[in-house]
PDB file of N, CA and C in Angstrom:
ATOM      1  N   MET A   1      11.564  -7.955  -5.148  1.00  0.00           N
ATOM      2  CA  MET A   1      11.598  -9.022  -3.794  1.00  0.00           C
ATOM      3  C   MET A   1      11.937 -10.892  -3.534  1.00  0.00           C
ATOM      4  N   THR A   2      13.030 -10.631  -3.360  1.00  0.00           N
ATOM      5  CA  THR A   2      14.115 -12.408  -2.891  1.00  0.00           C
ATOM      6  C   THR A   2      13.198 -12.554  -2.015  1.00  0.00           C
ATOM      7  N   THR A   3      13.102 -14.329  -2.567  1.00  0.00           N
ATOM      8  CA  THR A   3      12.591 -15.556  -1.819  1.00  0.00           C
ATOM      9  C   THR A   3      13.304 -16.768  -1.473  1.00  0.00           C
ATOM     10  N   THR A   4      13.460 -17.167  -0.452  1.00  0.00           N
ATOM     11  CA  THR A   4      13.948 -19.152  -0.506  1.00  0.00           C
ATOM     12  C   THR A   4      12.580 -19.791  -0.324  1.00  0.00           C
ATOM     13  N   LEU A   5      13.200 -21.009  -1.545  1.00  0.00           N
ATOM     14  CA  LEU A   5      11.595 -21.712  -1.237  1.00  0.00           C
ATOM     15  C   LEU A   5      12.233 -22.678  -0.635  1.00  0.00           C
ATOM     16  N   ILE A   6      11.162 -22.783   1.032  1.00  0.00           N
ATOM     17  CA  ILE A   6      11.750 -23.807   1.903  1.00  0.00           C
ATOM     18  C   ILE A   6      10.470 -25.446   1.973  1.00  0.00           C
ATOM     19  N   GLN A   7      10.879 -26.065   2.559  1.00  0.00           N
ATOM     20  CA  GLN A   7       9.579 -27.113   2.626  1.00  0.00           C
ATOM     21  C   GLN A   7       8.502 -26.979   3.796  1.00  0.00           C
ATOM     22  N   LYS A   8       7.697 -27.420   3.518  1.00  0.00           N
ATOM     23  CA  LYS A   8       6.300 -27.148   4.376  1.00  0.00           C
ATOM     24  C   LYS A   8       6.853 -27.366   5.851  1.00  0.00           C
ATOM     25  N   GLU A   9       6.948 -27.889   6.122  1.00  0.00           N
ATOM     26  CA  GLU A   9       7.366 -28.965   7.057  1.00  0.00           C
ATOM     27  C   GLU A   9       8.890 -27.803   7.966  1.00  0.00           C
ATOM     28  N   GLU A  10       9.279 -26.756   7.919  1.00  0.00           N
ATOM     29  CA  GLU A  10       9.892 -26.007   8.066  1.00  0.00           C
ATOM     30  C   GLU A  10       9.600 -24.742   8.682  1.00  0.00           C
ATOM     31  N   ILE A  11       7.961 -24.121   7.713  1.00  0.00           N
ATOM     32  CA  ILE A  11       7.356 -23.190   8.645  1.00  0.00           C
ATOM     33  C   ILE A  11       6.919 -22.955  10.129  1.00  0.00           C
ATOM     34  N   PRO A  12       7.078 -23.906  10.490  1.00  0.00           N
ATOM     35  CA  PRO A  12       6.893 -23.886  11.671  1.00  0.00           C
ATOM     36  C   PRO A  12       7.637 -22.979  12.790  1.00  0.00           C
ATOM     37  N   HIS A  13       9.356 -23.596  12.353  1.00  0.00           N
ATOM     38  CA  HIS A  13      10.616 -22.840  12.518  1.00  0.00           C
ATOM     39  C   HIS A  13      10.258 -21.068  12.779  1.00  0.00           C
ATOM     40  N   TYR A  14       9.266 -20.548  11.548  1.00  0.00           N
ATOM     41  CA  TYR A  14       9.754 -19.267  11.016  1.00  0.00           C
ATOM     42  C   TYR A  14       8.908 -18.555  12.213  1.00  0.00           C
ATOM     43  N   THR A  15       8.879 -17.317  12.074  1.00  0.00           N
ATOM     44  CA  THR A  15       8.097 -16.758  12.876  1.00  0.00           C
ATOM     45  C   THR A  15       7.251 -15.367  11.815  1.00  0.00           C
ATOM     46  N   CYS A  16       5.799 -14.984  12.196  1.00  0.00           N
ATOM     47  CA  CYS A  16       5.499 -14.481  10.154  1.00  0.00           C
ATOM     48  C   CYS A  16       5.324 -13.010  11.309  1.00  0.00           C
ATOM     49  N   LEU A  17       5.870 -11.912  10.567  1.00  0.00           N
ATOM     50  CA  LEU A  17       5.290 -10.737  10.921  1.00  0.00           C
ATOM     51  C   LEU A  17       4.227 -10.607  11.135  1.00  0.00           C
ATOM     52  N   ARG A  18       4.092  -9.822  12.184  1.00  0.00           N
ATOM     53  CA  ARG A  18       2.610  -9.226  12.456  1.00  0.00           C
ATOM     54  C   ARG A  18       1.989  -8.490  12.015  1.00  0.00           C
ATOM     55  N   CYS A  19       1.675  -8.138  11.080  1.00  0.00           N
ATOM     56  CA  CYS A  19       1.251  -6.823  10.379  1.00  0.00           C
ATOM     57  C   CYS A  19       0.959  -7.711   8.604  1.00  0.00           C
ATOM     58  N   GLU A  20      -0.121  -6.456   7.776  1.00  0.00           N
ATOM     59  CA  GLU A  20      -0.883  -6.745   7.027  1.00  0.00           C
ATOM     60  C   GLU A  20       0.083  -6.100   5.790  1.00  0.00           C
ATOM     61  N   ASN A  21       0.979  -7.511   4.780  1.00  0.00           N
ATOM     62  CA  ASN A  21       1.193  -6.877   3.758  1.00  0.00           C
ATOM     63  C   ASN A  21       0.314  -6.188   2.740  1.00  0.00           C
ATOM     64  N   LEU A  22      -0.699  -6.790   2.496  1.00  0.00           N
ATOM     65  CA  LEU A  22      -1.159  -5.827   1.785  1.00  0.00           C
ATOM     66  C   LEU A  22      -1.748  -4.439   1.398  1.00  0.00           C
ATOM     67  N   LEU A  23      -1.393  -3.535   0.768  1.00  0.00           N
ATOM     68  CA  LEU A  23      -2.081  -2.402   1.488  1.00  0.00           C
ATOM     69  C   LEU A  23      -3.651  -1.862   1.044  1.00  0.00           C
ATOM     70  N   SER A  24      -4.449  -2.070   0.171  1.00  0.00           N
ATOM     71  CA  SER A  24      -5.536  -2.743  -0.281  1.00  0.00           C
ATOM     72  C   SER A  24      -6.814  -3.089  -0.100  1.00  0.00           C
ATOM     73  N   ASP A  25      -7.716  -2.594   0.031  1.00  0.00           N
ATOM     74  CA  ASP A  25      -9.024  -3.490  -0.048  1.00  0.00           C
ATOM     75  C   ASP A  25      -8.951  -4.109  -0.920  1.00  0.00           C
ATOM     76  N   GLU A  26      -8.562  -4.099  -2.832  1.00  0.00           N
ATOM     77  CA  GLU A  26      -8.240  -5.087  -3.811  1.00  0.00           C
ATOM     78  C   GLU A  26      -6.990  -5.878  -3.901  1.00  0.00           C
ATOM     79  N   GLU A  27      -6.152  -5.601  -3.433  1.00  0.00           N
ATOM     80  CA  GLU A  27      -5.188  -7.250  -3.395  1.00  0.00           C
ATOM     81  C   GLU A  27      -5.835  -8.287  -1.613  1.00  0.00           C
ATOM     82  N   LYS A  28      -6.168  -7.758  -0.702  1.00  0.00           N
ATOM     83  CA  LYS A  28      -6.331  -8.368  -0.156  1.00  0.00           C
ATOM     84  C   LYS A  28      -7.732  -9.264  -0.352  1.00  0.00           C
ATOM     85  N   VAL A  29      -8.737  -8.841  -1.938  1.00  0.00           N
ATOM     86  CA  VAL A  29      -9.913  -9.654  -1.403  1.00  0.00           C
ATOM     87  C   VAL A  29      -9.283 -10.733  -2.714  1.00  0.00           C
ATOM     88  N   ASN A  30      -8.980 -10.160  -3.765  1.00  0.00           N
ATOM     89  CA  ASN A  30      -8.058 -10.992  -4.723  1.00  0.00           C
ATOM     90  C   ASN A  30      -7.002 -12.017  -4.189  1.00  0.00           C
ATOM     91  N   ARG A  31      -6.265 -11.908  -2.887  1.00  0.00           N
ATOM     92  CA  ARG A  31      -5.738 -12.526  -2.171  1.00  0.00           C
ATOM     93  C   ARG A  31      -6.768 -14.023  -2.323  1.00  0.00           C
ATOM     94  N   LYS A  32      -7.609 -13.318  -1.670  1.00  0.00           N
ATOM     95  CA  LYS A  32      -8.203 -14.420  -0.549  1.00  0.00           C
ATOM     96  C   LYS A  32      -8.563 -15.643  -1.989  1.00  0.00           C
ATOM     97  N   ILE A  33      -9.210 -14.674  -3.214  1.00  0.00           N
ATOM     98  CA  ILE A  33      -9.669 -15.333  -3.824  1.00  0.00           C
ATOM     99  C   ILE A  33      -8.494 -16.007  -4.910  1.00  0.00           C
ATOM    100  N   LYS A  34      -7.033 -16.411  -5.067  1.00  0.00           N
ATOM    101  CA  LYS A  34      -6.116 -16.315  -5.274  1.00  0.00           C
ATOM    102  C   LYS A  34      -6.017 -18.308  -4.324  1.00  0.00           C
ATOM    103  N   LEU A  35      -6.351 -17.643  -3.113  1.00  0.00           N
ATOM    104  CA  LEU A  35      -6.328 -18.870  -1.654  1.00  0.00           C
ATOM    105  C   LEU A  35      -7.294 -20.193  -2.089  1.00  0.00           C
ATOM    106  N   GLN A  36      -8.414 -19.471  -2.431  1.00  0.00           N
ATOM    107  CA  GLN A  36      -9.674 -20.709  -2.495  1.00  0.00           C
ATOM    108  C   GLN A  36      -9.773 -21.236  -3.795  1.00  0.00           C
ATOM    109  N   LYS A  37      -8.929 -20.552  -4.527  1.00  0.00           N
ATOM    110  CA  LYS A  37      -8.646 -21.366  -6.461  1.00  0.00           C
ATOM    111  C   LYS A  37      -7.905 -22.265  -5.465  1.00  0.00           C
ATOM    112  N   GLY A  38      -6.499 -22.095  -4.831  1.00  0.00           N
ATOM    113  CA  GLY A  38      -5.892 -23.317  -4.946  1.00  0.00           C
ATOM    114  C   GLY A  38      -6.547 -23.883  -3.440  1.00  0.00           C
ATOM    115  N   GLN A  39      -6.940 -23.839  -2.870  1.00  0.00           N
ATOM    116  CA  GLN A  39      -8.387 -24.840  -2.611  1.00  0.00           C
ATOM    117  C   GLN A  39      -8.579 -25.447  -3.009  1.00  0.00           C
ATOM    118  N   ILE A  40      -9.298 -25.275  -3.710  1.00  0.00           N
ATOM    119  CA  ILE A  40      -9.852 -26.098  -4.824  1.00  0.00           C
ATOM    120  C   ILE A  40      -8.734 -27.190  -5.435  1.00  0.00           C
ATOM    121  N   LEU A  41      -7.943 -26.613  -6.165  1.00  0.00           N
ATOM    122  CA  LEU A  41      -6.908 -26.996  -6.749  1.00  0.00           C
ATOM    123  C   LEU A  41      -6.228 -28.713  -5.875  1.00  0.00           C
ATOM    124  N   GLY A  42      -5.707 -28.237  -4.584  1.00  0.00           N
ATOM    125  CA  GLY A  42      -5.321 -29.144  -4.033  1.00  0.00           C
ATOM    126  C   GLY A  42      -6.294 -30.407  -3.812  1.00  0.00           C
ATOM    127  N   ASN A  43      -7.579 -29.659  -3.249  1.00  0.00           N
ATOM    128  CA  ASN A  43      -8.441 -30.773  -3.428  1.00  0.00           C
ATOM    129  C   ASN A  43      -9.309 -31.765  -3.859  1.00  0.00           C
ATOM    130  N   ALA A  44      -9.315 -30.843  -4.878  1.00  0.00           N
ATOM    131  CA  ALA A  44      -9.820 -31.650  -6.001  1.00  0.00           C
ATOM    132  C   ALA A  44      -9.031 -32.170  -7.076  1.00  0.00           C
ATOM    133  N   TYR A  45      -8.119 -31.815  -7.812  1.00  0.00           N
ATOM    134  CA  TYR A  45      -6.960 -32.278  -8.092  1.00  0.00           C
ATOM    135  C   TYR A  45      -5.251 -32.280  -7.910  1.00  0.00           C
ATOM    136  N   LYS A  46      -5.822 -32.078  -6.175  1.00  0.00           N
ATOM    137  CA  LYS A  46      -4.129 -32.508  -5.726  1.00  0.00           C
ATOM    138  C   LYS A  46      -2.998 -31.771  -6.489  1.00  0.00           C
ATOM    139  N   SER A  47      -3.398 -30.729  -7.187  1.00  0.00           N
ATOM    140  CA  SER A  47      -2.281 -29.365  -7.065  1.00  0.00           C
ATOM    141  C   SER A  47      -1.262 -28.831  -6.344  1.00  0.00           C
ATOM    142  N   LYS A  48      -0.226 -28.543  -6.413  1.00  0.00           N
ATOM    143  CA  LYS A  48       0.047 -27.569  -5.872  1.00  0.00           C
ATOM    144  C   LYS A  48       0.100 -26.349  -6.410  1.00  0.00           C
ATOM    145  N   VAL A  49       0.646 -25.010  -5.437  1.00  0.00           N
ATOM    146  CA  VAL A  49       0.833 -24.140  -5.355  1.00  0.00           C
ATOM    147  C   VAL A  49       1.681 -23.616  -5.000  1.00  0.00           C
ATOM    148  N   LYS A  50       2.489 -22.431  -5.017  1.00  0.00           N
ATOM    149  CA  LYS A  50       3.495 -21.603  -4.785  1.00  0.00           C
ATOM    150  C   LYS A  50       2.826 -20.832  -3.707  1.00  0.00           C
ATOM    151  N   ILE A  51       3.051 -20.393  -2.368  1.00  0.00           N
ATOM    152  CA  ILE A  51       3.017 -19.334  -1.536  1.00  0.00           C
ATOM    153  C   ILE A  51       3.585 -18.732  -1.257  1.00  0.00           C
ATOM    154  N   VAL A  52       4.294 -17.373  -1.288  1.00  0.00           N
ATOM    155  CA  VAL A  52       4.522 -16.546  -1.256  1.00  0.00           C
ATOM    156  C   VAL A  52       4.350 -15.523   0.492  1.00  0.00           C
ATOM    157  N   PHE A  53       5.742 -15.887   1.519  1.00  0.00           N
ATOM    158  CA  PHE A  53       4.793 -15.217   3.072  1.00  0.00           C
ATOM    159  C   PHE A  53       6.723 -14.499   3.255  1.00  0.00           C
ATOM    160  N   ASN A  54       5.689 -12.930   4.014  1.00  0.00           N
ATOM    161  CA  ASN A  54       6.862 -12.928   5.157  1.00  0.00           C
ATOM    162  C   ASN A  54       7.368 -13.086   6.428  1.00  0.00           C
ATOM    163  N   THR A  55       8.380 -13.573   6.633  1.00  0.00           N
ATOM    164  CA  THR A  55       9.233 -13.600   7.601  1.00  0.00           C
ATOM    165  C   THR A  55       9.936 -12.662   8.706  1.00  0.00           C
ATOM    166  N   THR A  56      10.023 -12.904   9.672  1.00  0.00           N
ATOM    167  CA  THR A  56      10.832 -12.194  10.499  1.00  0.00           C
ATOM    168  C   THR A  56      12.117 -12.140   9.712  1.00  0.00           C
ATOM    169  N   GLN A  57      12.573 -13.415   9.017  1.00  0.00           N
ATOM    170  CA  GLN A  57      13.621 -13.794   8.487  1.00  0.00           C
ATOM    171  C   GLN A  57      13.739 -13.399   6.742  1.00  0.00           C
ATOM    172  N   GLY A  58      12.391 -12.413   6.502  1.00  0.00           N
ATOM    173  CA  GLY A  58      13.044 -12.057   4.962  1.00  0.00           C
ATOM    174  C   GLY A  58      11.483 -13.119   4.229  1.00  0.00           C
ATOM    175  N   PHE A  59      11.419 -12.769   2.947  1.00  0.00           N
ATOM    176  CA  PHE A  59      10.093 -14.325   2.377  1.00  0.00           C
ATOM    177  C   PHE A  59      10.450 -15.380   1.928  1.00  0.00           C
ATOM    178  N   LYS A  60       9.922 -16.101   2.692  1.00  0.00           N
ATOM    179  CA  LYS A  60       9.971 -17.221   2.359  1.00  0.00           C
ATOM    180  C   LYS A  60       8.578 -18.564   1.072  1.00  0.00           C
ATOM    181  N   ALA A  61       9.165 -19.271   0.157  1.00  0.00           N
ATOM    182  CA  ALA A  61       8.391 -19.453  -0.221  1.00  0.00           C
ATOM    183  C   ALA A  61       7.962 -20.877  -0.404  1.00  0.00           C
ATOM    184  N   VAL A  62       6.999 -21.407  -0.655  1.00  0.00           N
ATOM    185  CA  VAL A  62       6.551 -22.959  -0.478  1.00  0.00           C
ATOM    186  C   VAL A  62       5.541 -23.368  -1.158  1.00  0.00           C
ATOM    187  N   GLU A  63       5.713 -24.449  -1.829  1.00  0.00           N
ATOM    188  CA  GLU A  63       5.042 -25.184  -2.842  1.00  0.00           C
ATOM    189  C   GLU A  63       4.260 -26.318  -2.097  1.00  0.00           C
ATOM    190  N   THR A  64       3.119 -26.086  -2.025  1.00  0.00           N
ATOM    191  CA  THR A  64       2.249 -27.005  -1.418  1.00  0.00           C
ATOM    192  C   THR A  64       0.772 -27.232  -1.791  1.00  0.00           C
ATOM    193  N   THR A  65      -0.392 -27.784  -1.025  1.00  0.00           N
ATOM    194  CA  THR A  65      -1.028 -27.733  -1.774  1.00  0.00           C
ATOM    195  C   THR A  65      -2.326 -27.686   0.285  1.00  0.00           C
ATOM    196  N   ILE A  66      -2.982 -26.712  -0.397  1.00  0.00           N
ATOM    197  CA  ILE A  66      -3.731 -25.724   0.586  1.00  0.00           C
ATOM    198  C   ILE A  66      -5.305 -26.532   0.969  1.00  0.00           C
ATOM    199  N   TRP A  67      -5.000 -27.127   2.396  1.00  0.00           N
ATOM    200  CA  TRP A  67      -6.262 -28.037   2.540  1.00  0.00           C
ATOM    201  C   TRP A  67      -7.996 -27.109   3.326  1.00  0.00           C
ATOM    202  N   THR A  68      -6.930 -25.938   3.440  1.00  0.00           N
ATOM    203  CA  THR A  68      -8.275 -25.108   4.382  1.00  0.00           C
ATOM    204  C   THR A  68      -7.966 -23.950   3.993  1.00  0.00           C
ATOM    205  N   VAL A  69      -9.005 -22.608   3.946  1.00  0.00           N
ATOM    206  CA  VAL A  69      -8.709 -21.148   4.020  1.00  0.00           C
ATOM    207  C   VAL A  69      -9.987 -20.591   4.367  1.00  0.00           C
ATOM    208  N   GLY A  70      -8.941 -20.057   5.899  1.00  0.00           N
ATOM    209  CA  GLY A  70     -10.011 -20.002   7.087  1.00  0.00           C
ATOM    210  C   GLY A  70     -10.074 -18.031   7.159  1.00  0.00           C
ATOM    211  N   GLU A  71     -10.549 -17.825   7.679  1.00  0.00           N
ATOM    212  CA  GLU A  71     -10.836 -16.580   8.068  1.00  0.00           C
ATOM    213  C   GLU A  71      -9.899 -15.226   8.404  1.00  0.00           C
ATOM    214  N   GLU A  72      -9.034 -16.664   8.907  1.00  0.00           N
ATOM    215  CA  GLU A  72      -7.366 -15.250   9.565  1.00  0.00           C
ATOM    216  C   GLU A  72      -5.967 -15.782   9.667  1.00  0.00           C
ATOM    217  N   TYR A  73      -6.535 -17.915   8.942  1.00  0.00           N
ATOM    218  CA  TYR A  73      -5.443 -18.684   8.775  1.00  0.00           C
ATOM    219  C   TYR A  73      -5.801 -20.013   6.942  1.00  0.00           C
ATOM    220  N   ILE A  74      -4.835 -20.194   6.466  1.00  0.00           N
ATOM    221  CA  ILE A  74      -4.438 -21.436   5.859  1.00  0.00           C
ATOM    222  C   ILE A  74      -3.565 -22.167   6.564  1.00  0.00           C
ATOM    223  N   VAL A  75      -4.578 -23.757   6.030  1.00  0.00           N
ATOM    224  CA  VAL A  75      -3.648 -24.839   6.976  1.00  0.00           C
ATOM    225  C   VAL A  75      -3.530 -25.758   5.927  1.00  0.00           C
ATOM    226  N   LEU A  76      -2.647 -26.224   5.596  1.00  0.00           N
ATOM    227  CA  LEU A  76      -1.546 -27.334   5.004  1.00  0.00           C
ATOM    228  C   LEU A  76      -1.688 -28.776   5.521  1.00  0.00           C
ATOM    229  N   LYS A  77      -1.084 -29.479   4.320  1.00  0.00           N
ATOM    230  CA  LYS A  77      -0.822 -30.556   4.128  1.00  0.00           C
ATOM    231  C   LYS A  77      -0.154 -30.604   5.896  1.00  0.00           C
ATOM    232  N   GLY A  78      -0.640 -31.420   6.835  1.00  0.00           N
ATOM    233  CA  GLY A  78      -0.125 -31.723   7.806  1.00  0.00           C
ATOM    234  C   GLY A  78      -0.485 -31.491   9.103  1.00  0.00           C
ATOM    235  N   GLY A  79      -1.602 -30.325   9.215  1.00  0.00           N
ATOM    236  CA  GLY A  79      -1.811 -28.979   9.973  1.00  0.00           C
ATOM    237  C   GLY A  79      -0.518 -27.835  10.251  1.00  0.00           C
ATOM    238  N   VAL A  80       0.294 -27.644   9.071  1.00  0.00           N
ATOM    239  CA  VAL A  80       0.860 -26.629   9.346  1.00  0.00           C
ATOM    240  C   VAL A  80      -0.024 -25.460   8.355  1.00  0.00           C
ATOM    241  N   THR A  81      -0.217 -24.353   8.474  1.00  0.00           N
ATOM    242  CA  THR A  81      -1.194 -23.194   9.447  1.00  0.00           C
ATOM    243  C   THR A  81       0.362 -22.087   8.636  1.00  0.00           C
ATOM    244  N   ILE A  82       0.065 -21.070   8.122  1.00  0.00           N
ATOM    245  CA  ILE A  82       0.136 -19.733   7.578  1.00  0.00           C
ATOM    246  C   ILE A  82      -1.099 -18.175   7.760  1.00  0.00           C
ATOM    247  N   PRO A  83      -0.526 -17.870   8.630  1.00  0.00           N
ATOM    248  CA  PRO A  83      -1.894 -16.148   8.723  1.00  0.00           C
ATOM    249  C   PRO A  83      -1.414 -15.395   7.386  1.00  0.00           C
ATOM    250  N   LEU A  84      -3.174 -15.332   6.654  1.00  0.00           N
ATOM    251  CA  LEU A  84      -4.036 -14.895   5.852  1.00  0.00           C
ATOM    252  C   LEU A  84      -2.756 -13.359   5.751  1.00  0.00           C
ATOM    253  N   TYR A  85      -2.676 -12.497   6.727  1.00  0.00           N
ATOM    254  CA  TYR A  85      -1.702 -11.528   6.556  1.00  0.00           C
ATOM    255  C   TYR A  85      -0.127 -11.091   6.252  1.00  0.00           C
ATOM    256  N   ALA A  86       0.003 -12.943   6.316  1.00  0.00           N
ATOM    257  CA  ALA A  86       1.718 -12.378   6.206  1.00  0.00           C
ATOM    258  C   ALA A  86       1.879 -13.202   4.127  1.00  0.00           C
ATOM    259  N   ILE A  87       0.591 -13.237   4.289  1.00  0.00           N
ATOM    260  CA  ILE A  87       1.029 -14.113   2.653  1.00  0.00           C
ATOM    261  C   ILE A  87       0.984 -12.842   1.648  1.00  0.00           C
ATOM    262  N   VAL A  88       1.662 -12.798   0.862  1.00  0.00           N
ATOM    263  CA  VAL A  88       2.007 -11.946   0.346  1.00  0.00           C
ATOM    264  C   VAL A  88       2.095 -12.128  -1.348  1.00  0.00           C
ATOM    265  N   ASP A  89       1.619 -13.823  -1.841  1.00  0.00           N
ATOM    266  CA  ASP A  89       1.697 -14.129  -3.129  1.00  0.00           C
ATOM    267  C   ASP A  89       0.853 -15.642  -3.256  1.00  0.00           C
ATOM    268  N   ILE A  90       0.265 -15.821  -4.083  1.00  0.00           N
ATOM    269  CA  ILE A  90      -0.099 -16.993  -4.580  1.00  0.00           C
ATOM    270  C   ILE A  90      -0.028 -16.941  -6.231  1.00  0.00           C
ATOM    271  N   GLU A  91       0.911 -18.164  -6.348  1.00  0.00           N
ATOM    272  CA  GLU A  91       1.181 -18.720  -8.120  1.00  0.00           C
ATOM    273  C   GLU A  91       0.579 -20.000  -8.107  1.00  0.00           C
ATOM    274  N   LEU A  92      -0.487 -20.143  -8.714  1.00  0.00           N
ATOM    275  CA  LEU A  92      -1.284 -21.543  -8.974  1.00  0.00           C
ATOM    276  C   LEU A  92      -0.856 -22.028 -10.492  1.00  0.00           C
TER     277      LEU A  92
END
């Protein structure tokens, strides 16, 4: 998988594919756990994580802090959101 690193301010310029990228329930649970760990790292330690997500223009990656993990989206600094279904990987 080839990814392009972008700035979080660029995320609104991309359209996420409207389909789930992870196939198994186990992968989805692991994604949620990693996102919650990333949220703790961001809020408590101001640490950044790398988030890989799928867009209509291919895989994109962003290194940023996660402020909130919701049921359908994550919220990054500045109110930028990424839908959970588009997230492929989280590197803590």
